[in-house]
Each structure stands twice: as C-alpha cells, then as structure tokens.
Amino acid sequence: MATTTVVIIVVIIALLVFFSSIRVVREYQRIVVFRLGRLVGARGPGFLMILPLGFDRTQLVDQRVITMDVPPQDVITRDNVTVRVNAVVYFRVVNPVDSVVKVENFRWATSQIAQTTLRNVLGQSELDELLAQRERLNQSLQKIIDEHTDPWGIKVSTVEIKDVELPEGMRRSMAAQAEAERERRAKVIHAEGEFQASQKLADAAKIIGQEPAAIQLRYLQTLTEIAADKNSTILFPIPMEMLRALSVWADKNKPS
C-alpha cells in the first residue's frame, strides 16, 4: 500500500513537472531562454519544451508592430518660437535576443530616445518648416531614432508628428497674416479682371468706331435692354442731325 502511494505521488510530480515544462508560442511571439543564467537563444513559434525546476528561465517577446505615443514636448524652434509637439512612433522587435539582453526595457528606452530626438530635430528647424515640411521632418526623425534603437534589435518603421500647438499670440498673428494674404490676392484678381475688361472694351470701341452704323445698333440694343424693366422711365435723346433735317423740311413746307 505504501509503495502504491509513493508511485502515485511520483507520477503526479512527474506530470506536474512535464506540464510545467511545456510552452506554446504563437506565430508572432518568441521565447528567449536562459539556462542557469546563460543565454540559450530565442525559441518559437510552436510547441516547446524547457527544463523545469528553475533550470531554464524564459522571457516572452512580442514581435508585432507597437504603436507608441510620444508625450507632448515643449520645443523652441530655431527662430525662437515655443511650440508644443507630440508624435507617434511605430516599431517592432526584429531581434528578440538583443531586445532582452542589450536593454533593460526596450519600450521605455525607445520612448526616451523618441522624446529626446523630437526636441533636438525640431529645435533645429524654423516654425515654417515645422508647419509646411512635416514629411521631411518625419523621415529625419525615423532615421535618427532607428539608428539609436538598432543595437537593441528594434526596427522603427514610421514616425509621425501628430499635432503642433502654437501660443495664442502666434495663432492670432498667423491668422492676421493669412487674412492679409487673402485680401492681397483678392485685390490682385480684381485688378487683373478690370484690366482684361478694359482691354476688351478698348477693342470693342475700335471696332464700333470703324462702322458708324454699329454705334446706332448698339444704341438701339441698349434701349431695348432698358425697356425690359417696366418701372423704368426712358428719356429718348434725338440726334442733332435728325433735328436739323426736320428743321429743313419744315422750312421748305412752310406756307407762304
């Protein structure tokens, strides 16, 4: 009876040890294994067996793309304008062993590098560049951050500046500048329209001047357009030539 009990206990312990040594690693995961403190390497994906009872220590690493928000940073641009900028960084672990062995916490380290690089790069740019050339600045940030994180087995794929918060006084100044620019463009467009219209009128005057009958036709057309409004009172001017002709006719037909 005692022997049977011992056997059962041994079997239970063996099963517990066996199941505790089983690891199932998903496709996007890797397990970094340390055996008695010495690095063995990365394992996975799939079904794995590790040594139990503390012989093997493991650390799970996720290799999917990580989206990390960079907290808002106060940046003084090259033209001495203080702005508040935040960004987002997309990165992933490409070397699980380096991400565990060469840095204590790769997420925190990447965040610190991103914040520092954001302040340094944007501090070397002027405000107009920050507002109008974000794509170039994004590429510069991505390149610099990726160079710093590469020894840790981290690949930074994209860095995007999300928002640039300007001081209230600067926003008012930019709004006034934009309004002045719109007024300038409107005046230029209006002046160009007046110039083109005056050219067309000059051309029309030359054509009408070459044909005296055209002047009379234009005169009659204008009267027709005015007469379309029933509330209008039209003063019909009579050419002096017509009055002189009537005067000559009246003199000829005056009774003697």
C-alpha atoms as a PDB file:
ATOM      1  CA  MET A   1       0.000   0.000   0.000  1.00  0.00           C
ATOM      2  CA  ALA A   2       2.777   2.413   0.867  1.00  0.00           C
ATOM      3  CA  THR A   3       4.590   1.529  -2.342  1.00  0.00           C
ATOM      4  CA  THR A   4       1.475   2.288  -4.382  1.00  0.00           C
ATOM      5  CA  THR A   5       1.094   5.651  -2.681  1.00  0.00           C
ATOM      6  CA  VAL A   6       4.713   6.530  -3.394  1.00  0.00           C
ATOM      7  CA  VAL A   7       4.309   5.571  -7.034  1.00  0.00           C
ATOM      8  CA  ILE A   8       1.181   7.709  -7.373  1.00  0.00           C
ATOM      9  CA  ILE A   9       2.935  10.663  -5.787  1.00  0.00           C
ATOM     10  CA  VAL A  10       5.937  10.235  -8.080  1.00  0.00           C
ATOM     11  CA  VAL A  11       3.680  10.030 -11.141  1.00  0.00           C
ATOM     12  CA  ILE A  12       1.781  13.156 -10.107  1.00  0.00           C
ATOM     13  CA  ILE A  13       5.029  15.037  -9.544  1.00  0.00           C
ATOM     14  CA  ALA A  14       6.349  13.832 -12.907  1.00  0.00           C
ATOM     15  CA  LEU A  15       3.190  15.007 -14.654  1.00  0.00           C
ATOM     16  CA  LEU A  16       3.352  18.386 -12.954  1.00  0.00           C
ATOM     17  CA  VAL A  17       6.987  18.761 -13.958  1.00  0.00           C
ATOM     18  CA  PHE A  18       6.179  17.684 -17.509  1.00  0.00           C
ATOM     19  CA  PHE A  19       3.296  20.093 -17.953  1.00  0.00           C
ATOM     20  CA  SER A  20       5.257  22.938 -16.352  1.00  0.00           C
ATOM     21  CA  SER A  21       7.967  22.484 -18.968  1.00  0.00           C
ATOM     22  CA  ILE A  22       5.564  22.832 -21.879  1.00  0.00           C
ATOM     23  CA  ARG A  23       5.360  26.128 -23.744  1.00  0.00           C
ATOM     24  CA  VAL A  24       3.149  27.001 -26.686  1.00  0.00           C
ATOM     25  CA  VAL A  25       4.471  30.025 -28.568  1.00  0.00           C
ATOM     26  CA  ARG A  26       2.277  31.857 -31.052  1.00  0.00           C
ATOM     27  CA  GLU A  27       3.392  32.841 -34.543  1.00  0.00           C
ATOM     28  CA  TYR A  28       4.130  36.449 -33.613  1.00  0.00           C
ATOM     29  CA  GLN A  29       5.937  35.563 -30.360  1.00  0.00           C
ATOM     30  CA  ARG A  30       9.383  34.319 -29.406  1.00  0.00           C
ATOM     31  CA  ILE A  31      10.725  32.992 -26.096  1.00  0.00           C
ATOM     32  CA  VAL A  32      14.245  33.948 -25.051  1.00  0.00           C
ATOM     33  CA  VAL A  33      15.659  31.113 -22.929  1.00  0.00           C
ATOM     34  CA  PHE A  34      18.329  31.421 -20.224  1.00  0.00           C
ATOM     35  CA  ARG A  35      19.697  28.165 -18.803  1.00  0.00           C
ATOM     36  CA  LEU A  36      21.292  28.602 -15.401  1.00  0.00           C
ATOM     37  CA  GLY A  37      21.780  32.262 -16.246  1.00  0.00           C
ATOM     38  CA  ARG A  38      23.451  31.639 -19.599  1.00  0.00           C
ATOM     39  CA  LEU A  39      21.720  32.672 -22.811  1.00  0.00           C
ATOM     40  CA  VAL A  40      20.485  29.754 -24.879  1.00  0.00           C
ATOM     41  CA  GLY A  41      18.679  31.731 -27.592  1.00  0.00           C
ATOM     42  CA  ALA A  42      15.245  32.512 -28.936  1.00  0.00           C
ATOM     43  CA  ARG A  43      12.718  29.723 -29.448  1.00  0.00           C
ATOM     44  CA  GLY A  44       9.418  29.507 -31.262  1.00  0.00           C
ATOM     45  CA  PRO A  45       6.870  29.554 -32.627  1.00  0.00           C
ATOM     46  CA  GLY A  46       5.024  26.326 -31.841  1.00  0.00           C
ATOM     47  CA  PHE A  47       5.295  23.659 -29.140  1.00  0.00           C
ATOM     48  CA  LEU A  48       8.410  23.882 -26.963  1.00  0.00           C
ATOM     49  CA  MET A  49       9.905  22.036 -24.022  1.00  0.00           C
ATOM     50  CA  ILE A  50      12.075  23.762 -21.438  1.00  0.00           C
ATOM     51  CA  LEU A  51      13.907  22.428 -18.429  1.00  0.00           C
ATOM     52  CA  PRO A  52      11.768  22.733 -15.284  1.00  0.00           C
ATOM     53  CA  LEU A  53      12.609  23.488 -11.680  1.00  0.00           C
ATOM     54  CA  GLY A  54      14.308  26.782 -12.430  1.00  0.00           C
ATOM     55  CA  PHE A  55      16.981  25.412 -14.739  1.00  0.00           C
ATOM     56  CA  ASP A  56      15.540  27.454 -17.617  1.00  0.00           C
ATOM     57  CA  ARG A  57      14.285  30.990 -17.264  1.00  0.00           C
ATOM     58  CA  THR A  58      12.274  32.437 -20.138  1.00  0.00           C
ATOM     59  CA  GLN A  59      11.093  35.824 -21.326  1.00  0.00           C
ATOM     60  CA  LEU A  60       8.319  36.211 -23.882  1.00  0.00           C
ATOM     61  CA  VAL A  61       8.814  38.792 -26.647  1.00  0.00           C
ATOM     62  CA  ASP A  62       6.027  40.074 -28.931  1.00  0.00           C
ATOM     63  CA  GLN A  63       7.201  40.804 -32.481  1.00  0.00           C
ATOM     64  CA  ARG A  64       4.118  42.642 -33.704  1.00  0.00           C
ATOM     65  CA  VAL A  65       4.248  46.338 -34.588  1.00  0.00           C
ATOM     66  CA  ILE A  66       3.967  48.506 -31.475  1.00  0.00           C
ATOM     67  CA  THR A  67       2.267  51.902 -31.607  1.00  0.00           C
ATOM     68  CA  MET A  68       3.720  54.289 -29.057  1.00  0.00           C
ATOM     69  CA  ASP A  69       2.566  57.837 -28.353  1.00  0.00           C
ATOM     70  CA  VAL A  70       5.333  60.321 -27.655  1.00  0.00           C
ATOM     71  CA  PRO A  71       4.169  62.686 -24.867  1.00  0.00           C
ATOM     72  CA  PRO A  72       3.864  66.383 -25.814  1.00  0.00           C
ATOM     73  CA  GLN A  73       7.251  68.083 -25.811  1.00  0.00           C
ATOM     74  CA  ASP A  74       7.992  71.802 -25.418  1.00  0.00           C
ATOM     75  CA  VAL A  75      10.261  72.737 -28.320  1.00  0.00           C
ATOM     76  CA  ILE A  76      11.990  76.052 -29.037  1.00  0.00           C
ATOM     77  CA  THR A  77      12.404  76.341 -32.809  1.00  0.00           C
ATOM     78  CA  ARG A  78      15.417  77.915 -34.498  1.00  0.00           C
ATOM     79  CA  ASP A  79      13.516  81.210 -34.887  1.00  0.00           C
ATOM     80  CA  ASN A  80      12.798  81.276 -31.103  1.00  0.00           C
ATOM     81  CA  VAL A  81       9.147  80.220 -31.162  1.00  0.00           C
ATOM     82  CA  THR A  82       7.997  77.934 -28.344  1.00  0.00           C
ATOM     83  CA  VAL A  83       5.652  75.192 -29.558  1.00  0.00           C
ATOM     84  CA  ARG A  84       4.239  72.038 -28.013  1.00  0.00           C
ATOM     85  CA  VAL A  85       4.587  68.971 -30.232  1.00  0.00           C
ATOM     86  CA  ASN A  86       3.583  65.344 -29.874  1.00  0.00           C
ATOM     87  CA  ALA A  87       4.174  62.399 -32.184  1.00  0.00           C
ATOM     88  CA  VAL A  88       3.566  58.688 -32.674  1.00  0.00           C
ATOM     89  CA  VAL A  89       6.226  56.013 -33.288  1.00  0.00           C
ATOM     90  CA  TYR A  90       5.677  52.628 -34.974  1.00  0.00           C
ATOM     91  CA  PHE A  91       8.304  49.997 -34.258  1.00  0.00           C
ATOM     92  CA  ARG A  92       8.750  46.242 -33.833  1.00  0.00           C
ATOM     93  CA  VAL A  93      11.235  43.774 -32.385  1.00  0.00           C
ATOM     94  CA  VAL A  94      13.315  42.145 -35.133  1.00  0.00           C
ATOM     95  CA  ASN A  95      15.877  40.537 -32.832  1.00  0.00           C
ATOM     96  CA  PRO A  96      14.285  39.112 -29.667  1.00  0.00           C
ATOM     97  CA  VAL A  97      17.628  38.232 -28.075  1.00  0.00           C
ATOM     98  CA  ASP A  98      19.048  41.759 -28.382  1.00  0.00           C
ATOM     99  CA  SER A  99      15.798  43.321 -27.133  1.00  0.00           C
ATOM    100  CA  VAL A 100      16.176  41.333 -23.905  1.00  0.00           C
ATOM    101  CA  VAL A 101      19.950  41.150 -23.422  1.00  0.00           C
ATOM    102  CA  LYS A 102      21.130  44.592 -24.584  1.00  0.00           C
ATOM    103  CA  VAL A 103      18.494  46.836 -22.996  1.00  0.00           C
ATOM    104  CA  GLU A 104      16.579  46.582 -19.747  1.00  0.00           C
ATOM    105  CA  ASN A 105      13.202  47.767 -21.075  1.00  0.00           C
ATOM    106  CA  PHE A 106      13.131  48.396 -24.813  1.00  0.00           C
ATOM    107  CA  ARG A 107       9.724  50.120 -24.737  1.00  0.00           C
ATOM    108  CA  TRP A 108      10.793  52.679 -22.157  1.00  0.00           C
ATOM    109  CA  ALA A 109      14.167  53.172 -23.829  1.00  0.00           C
ATOM    110  CA  THR A 110      12.582  53.723 -27.235  1.00  0.00           C
ATOM    111  CA  SER A 111      10.184  56.239 -25.729  1.00  0.00           C
ATOM    112  CA  GLN A 112      13.041  58.213 -24.160  1.00  0.00           C
ATOM    113  CA  ILE A 113      15.041  58.230 -27.393  1.00  0.00           C
ATOM    114  CA  ALA A 114      11.956  59.392 -29.320  1.00  0.00           C
ATOM    115  CA  GLN A 115      11.325  62.289 -26.918  1.00  0.00           C
ATOM    116  CA  THR A 116      14.927  63.455 -26.994  1.00  0.00           C
ATOM    117  CA  THR A 117      15.191  63.184 -30.779  1.00  0.00           C
ATOM    118  CA  LEU A 118      11.910  65.039 -31.250  1.00  0.00           C
ATOM    119  CA  ARG A 119      13.174  68.005 -29.250  1.00  0.00           C
ATOM    120  CA  ASN A 120      16.591  68.032 -30.943  1.00  0.00           C
ATOM    121  CA  VAL A 121      15.413  67.746 -34.544  1.00  0.00           C
ATOM    122  CA  LEU A 122      12.517  70.179 -34.288  1.00  0.00           C
ATOM    123  CA  GLY A 123      14.684  72.610 -32.326  1.00  0.00           C
ATOM    124  CA  GLN A 124      16.934  72.890 -35.392  1.00  0.00           C
ATOM    125  CA  SER A 125      14.003  73.782 -37.664  1.00  0.00           C
ATOM    126  CA  GLU A 126      12.115  77.020 -38.121  1.00  0.00           C
ATOM    127  CA  LEU A 127       8.385  77.296 -37.484  1.00  0.00           C
ATOM    128  CA  ASP A 128       7.525  77.496 -41.188  1.00  0.00           C
ATOM    129  CA  GLU A 129       9.449  74.271 -41.823  1.00  0.00           C
ATOM    130  CA  LEU A 130       7.676  72.566 -38.925  1.00  0.00           C
ATOM    131  CA  LEU A 131       4.276  73.511 -40.335  1.00  0.00           C
ATOM    132  CA  ALA A 132       4.946  73.002 -44.050  1.00  0.00           C
ATOM    133  CA  GLN A 133       7.601  70.258 -44.253  1.00  0.00           C
ATOM    134  CA  ARG A 134       6.384  67.598 -41.855  1.00  0.00           C
ATOM    135  CA  GLU A 135       7.131  64.757 -44.245  1.00  0.00           C
ATOM    136  CA  ARG A 136      10.820  65.637 -44.374  1.00  0.00           C
ATOM    137  CA  LEU A 137      10.965  66.028 -40.589  1.00  0.00           C
ATOM    138  CA  ASN A 138       9.174  62.693 -40.105  1.00  0.00           C
ATOM    139  CA  GLN A 139      11.767  60.935 -42.255  1.00  0.00           C
ATOM    140  CA  SER A 140      14.600  62.586 -40.354  1.00  0.00           C
ATOM    141  CA  LEU A 141      13.115  61.557 -37.003  1.00  0.00           C
ATOM    142  CA  GLN A 142      12.601  57.980 -38.180  1.00  0.00           C
ATOM    143  CA  LYS A 143      16.175  57.669 -39.413  1.00  0.00           C
ATOM    144  CA  ILE A 144      17.758  59.037 -36.221  1.00  0.00           C
ATOM    145  CA  ILE A 145      15.579  57.021 -33.812  1.00  0.00           C
ATOM    146  CA  ASP A 146      16.112  53.844 -35.836  1.00  0.00           C
ATOM    147  CA  GLU A 147      19.895  54.305 -35.666  1.00  0.00           C
ATOM    148  CA  HIS A 148      19.720  54.514 -31.864  1.00  0.00           C
ATOM    149  CA  THR A 149      17.434  51.511 -31.418  1.00  0.00           C
ATOM    150  CA  ASP A 150      19.089  49.225 -33.978  1.00  0.00           C
ATOM    151  CA  PRO A 151      21.615  47.781 -31.446  1.00  0.00           C
ATOM    152  CA  TRP A 152      18.656  46.753 -29.292  1.00  0.00           C
ATOM    153  CA  GLY A 153      17.066  44.719 -32.093  1.00  0.00           C
ATOM    154  CA  ILE A 154      14.329  47.324 -32.635  1.00  0.00           C
ATOM    155  CA  LYS A 155      13.260  48.498 -36.093  1.00  0.00           C
ATOM    156  CA  VAL A 156      11.498  51.880 -36.205  1.00  0.00           C
ATOM    157  CA  SER A 157       9.371  51.927 -39.356  1.00  0.00           C
ATOM    158  CA  THR A 158       7.474  55.218 -39.081  1.00  0.00           C
ATOM    159  CA  VAL A 159       7.461  58.407 -37.033  1.00  0.00           C
ATOM    160  CA  GLU A 160       4.609  60.883 -37.495  1.00  0.00           C
ATOM    161  CA  ILE A 161       4.268  64.345 -35.956  1.00  0.00           C
ATOM    162  CA  LYS A 162       0.654  64.428 -34.772  1.00  0.00           C
ATOM    163  CA  ASP A 163      -0.028  67.925 -33.508  1.00  0.00           C
ATOM    164  CA  VAL A 164       1.753  71.263 -33.250  1.00  0.00           C
ATOM    165  CA  GLU A 165       0.290  73.551 -30.583  1.00  0.00           C
ATOM    166  CA  LEU A 166       1.173  77.218 -31.085  1.00  0.00           C
ATOM    167  CA  PRO A 167       0.994  80.004 -28.473  1.00  0.00           C
ATOM    168  CA  GLU A 168      -2.190  82.076 -28.545  1.00  0.00           C
ATOM    169  CA  GLY A 169      -0.367  85.222 -29.673  1.00  0.00           C
ATOM    170  CA  MET A 170       1.311  83.364 -32.526  1.00  0.00           C
ATOM    171  CA  ARG A 171      -2.016  81.914 -33.678  1.00  0.00           C
ATOM    172  CA  ARG A 172      -3.535  85.408 -33.806  1.00  0.00           C
ATOM    173  CA  SER A 173      -0.555  86.756 -35.731  1.00  0.00           C
ATOM    174  CA  MET A 174      -0.734  83.909 -38.248  1.00  0.00           C
ATOM    175  CA  ALA A 175      -4.477  84.390 -38.670  1.00  0.00           C
ATOM    176  CA  ALA A 176      -3.966  88.108 -39.342  1.00  0.00           C
ATOM    177  CA  GLN A 177      -1.196  87.319 -41.809  1.00  0.00           C
ATOM    178  CA  ALA A 178      -3.380  84.798 -43.615  1.00  0.00           C
ATOM    179  CA  GLU A 179      -6.249  87.298 -43.788  1.00  0.00           C
ATOM    180  CA  ALA A 180      -3.961  89.955 -45.235  1.00  0.00           C
ATOM    181  CA  GLU A 181      -2.677  87.479 -47.803  1.00  0.00           C
ATOM    182  CA  ARG A 182      -6.245  86.607 -48.860  1.00  0.00           C
ATOM    183  CA  GLU A 183      -7.121  90.296 -49.215  1.00  0.00           C
ATOM    184  CA  ARG A 184      -3.992  90.866 -51.297  1.00  0.00           C
ATOM    185  CA  ARG A 185      -4.865  88.015 -53.638  1.00  0.00           C
ATOM    186  CA  ALA A 186      -8.469  89.251 -53.959  1.00  0.00           C
ATOM    187  CA  LYS A 187      -7.261  92.739 -54.900  1.00  0.00           C
ATOM    188  CA  VAL A 188      -4.814  91.355 -57.440  1.00  0.00           C
ATOM    189  CA  ILE A 189      -7.505  89.173 -59.017  1.00  0.00           C
ATOM    190  CA  HIS A 190      -9.926  92.122 -59.110  1.00  0.00           C
ATOM    191  CA  ALA A 191      -7.286  94.364 -60.717  1.00  0.00           C
ATOM    192  CA  GLU A 192      -6.487  91.711 -63.318  1.00  0.00           C
ATOM    193  CA  GLY A 193     -10.197  91.394 -64.116  1.00  0.00           C
ATOM    194  CA  GLU A 194     -10.555  95.165 -64.531  1.00  0.00           C
ATOM    195  CA  PHE A 195      -7.503  95.246 -66.797  1.00  0.00           C
ATOM    196  CA  GLN A 196      -8.837  92.459 -69.004  1.00  0.00           C
ATOM    197  CA  ALA A 197     -12.277  94.099 -69.157  1.00  0.00           C
ATOM    198  CA  SER A 198     -10.750  97.453 -70.156  1.00  0.00           C
ATOM    199  CA  GLN A 199      -8.795  95.731 -72.930  1.00  0.00           C
ATOM    200  CA  LYS A 200     -11.977  94.139 -74.285  1.00  0.00           C
ATOM    201  CA  LEU A 201     -13.831  97.467 -74.123  1.00  0.00           C
ATOM    202  CA  ALA A 202     -10.998  99.182 -75.969  1.00  0.00           C
ATOM    203  CA  ASP A 203     -11.091  96.523 -78.681  1.00  0.00           C
ATOM    204  CA  ALA A 204     -14.879  96.866 -78.975  1.00  0.00           C
ATOM    205  CA  ALA A 205     -14.604 100.668 -79.216  1.00  0.00           C
ATOM    206  CA  LYS A 206     -12.120 100.353 -82.070  1.00  0.00           C
ATOM    207  CA  ILE A 207     -14.451  98.003 -83.983  1.00  0.00           C
ATOM    208  CA  ILE A 208     -17.527 100.185 -83.426  1.00  0.00           C
ATOM    209  CA  GLY A 209     -15.555 103.291 -84.372  1.00  0.00           C
ATOM    210  CA  GLN A 210     -14.793 101.801 -87.781  1.00  0.00           C
ATOM    211  CA  GLU A 211     -18.533 101.268 -88.517  1.00  0.00           C
ATOM    212  CA  PRO A 212     -20.777 104.273 -87.647  1.00  0.00           C
ATOM    213  CA  ALA A 213     -23.897 102.160 -88.117  1.00  0.00           C
ATOM    214  CA  ALA A 214     -22.696  99.853 -85.364  1.00  0.00           C
ATOM    215  CA  ILE A 215     -22.959 102.739 -82.907  1.00  0.00           C
ATOM    216  CA  GLN A 216     -26.652 103.201 -83.716  1.00  0.00           C
ATOM    217  CA  LEU A 217     -27.307  99.445 -83.452  1.00  0.00           C
ATOM    218  CA  ARG A 218     -25.603  99.338 -80.078  1.00  0.00           C
ATOM    219  CA  TYR A 219     -27.639 102.383 -79.027  1.00  0.00           C
ATOM    220  CA  LEU A 220     -30.909 100.697 -80.002  1.00  0.00           C
ATOM    221  CA  GLN A 221     -29.877  97.459 -78.247  1.00  0.00           C
ATOM    222  CA  THR A 222     -29.217  99.389 -75.058  1.00  0.00           C
ATOM    223  CA  LEU A 223     -32.658 100.985 -75.244  1.00  0.00           C
ATOM    224  CA  THR A 224     -34.240  97.557 -75.687  1.00  0.00           C
ATOM    225  CA  GLU A 225     -32.481  96.244 -72.587  1.00  0.00           C
ATOM    226  CA  ILE A 226     -33.577  99.276 -70.557  1.00  0.00           C
ATOM    227  CA  ALA A 227     -37.184  98.984 -71.753  1.00  0.00           C
ATOM    228  CA  ALA A 228     -37.394  95.426 -70.380  1.00  0.00           C
ATOM    229  CA  ASP A 229     -37.924  96.944 -66.932  1.00  0.00           C
ATOM    230  CA  LYS A 230     -41.491  98.320 -66.892  1.00  0.00           C
ATOM    231  CA  ASN A 231     -40.720 100.627 -63.976  1.00  0.00           C
ATOM    232  CA  SER A 232     -38.076 102.490 -65.926  1.00  0.00           C
ATOM    233  CA  THR A 233     -38.577 105.946 -67.385  1.00  0.00           C
ATOM    234  CA  ILE A 234     -36.656 106.336 -70.599  1.00  0.00           C
ATOM    235  CA  LEU A 235     -35.526 109.671 -71.923  1.00  0.00           C
ATOM    236  CA  PHE A 236     -35.076 109.141 -75.626  1.00  0.00           C
ATOM    237  CA  PRO A 237     -32.403 111.507 -76.923  1.00  0.00           C
ATOM    238  CA  ILE A 238     -32.810 112.704 -80.521  1.00  0.00           C
ATOM    239  CA  PRO A 239     -29.654 113.159 -82.551  1.00  0.00           C
ATOM    240  CA  MET A 240     -28.968 116.726 -83.696  1.00  0.00           C
ATOM    241  CA  GLU A 241     -28.764 115.562 -87.293  1.00  0.00           C
ATOM    242  CA  MET A 242     -32.408 114.476 -87.116  1.00  0.00           C
ATOM    243  CA  LEU A 243     -33.473 117.813 -85.652  1.00  0.00           C
ATOM    244  CA  ARG A 244     -31.670 119.731 -88.410  1.00  0.00           C
ATOM    245  CA  ALA A 245     -33.311 117.552 -91.062  1.00  0.00           C
ATOM    246  CA  LEU A 246     -36.746 118.247 -89.563  1.00  0.00           C
ATOM    247  CA  SER A 247     -35.975 121.968 -89.461  1.00  0.00           C
ATOM    248  CA  VAL A 248     -35.004 121.998 -93.152  1.00  0.00           C
ATOM    249  CA  TRP A 249     -38.142 120.061 -94.058  1.00  0.00           C
ATOM    250  CA  ALA A 250     -40.304 122.460 -92.057  1.00  0.00           C
ATOM    251  CA  ASP A 251     -38.748 125.493 -93.761  1.00  0.00           C
ATOM    252  CA  LYS A 252     -39.419 124.021 -97.182  1.00  0.00           C
ATOM    253  CA  ASN A 253     -43.050 123.256 -96.403  1.00  0.00           C
ATOM    254  CA  LYS A 254     -43.820 126.496 -94.577  1.00  0.00           C
ATOM    255  CA  PRO A 255     -46.890 128.163 -96.204  1.00  0.00           C
ATOM    256  CA  SER A 256     -46.023 131.405 -97.933  1.00  0.00           C
END
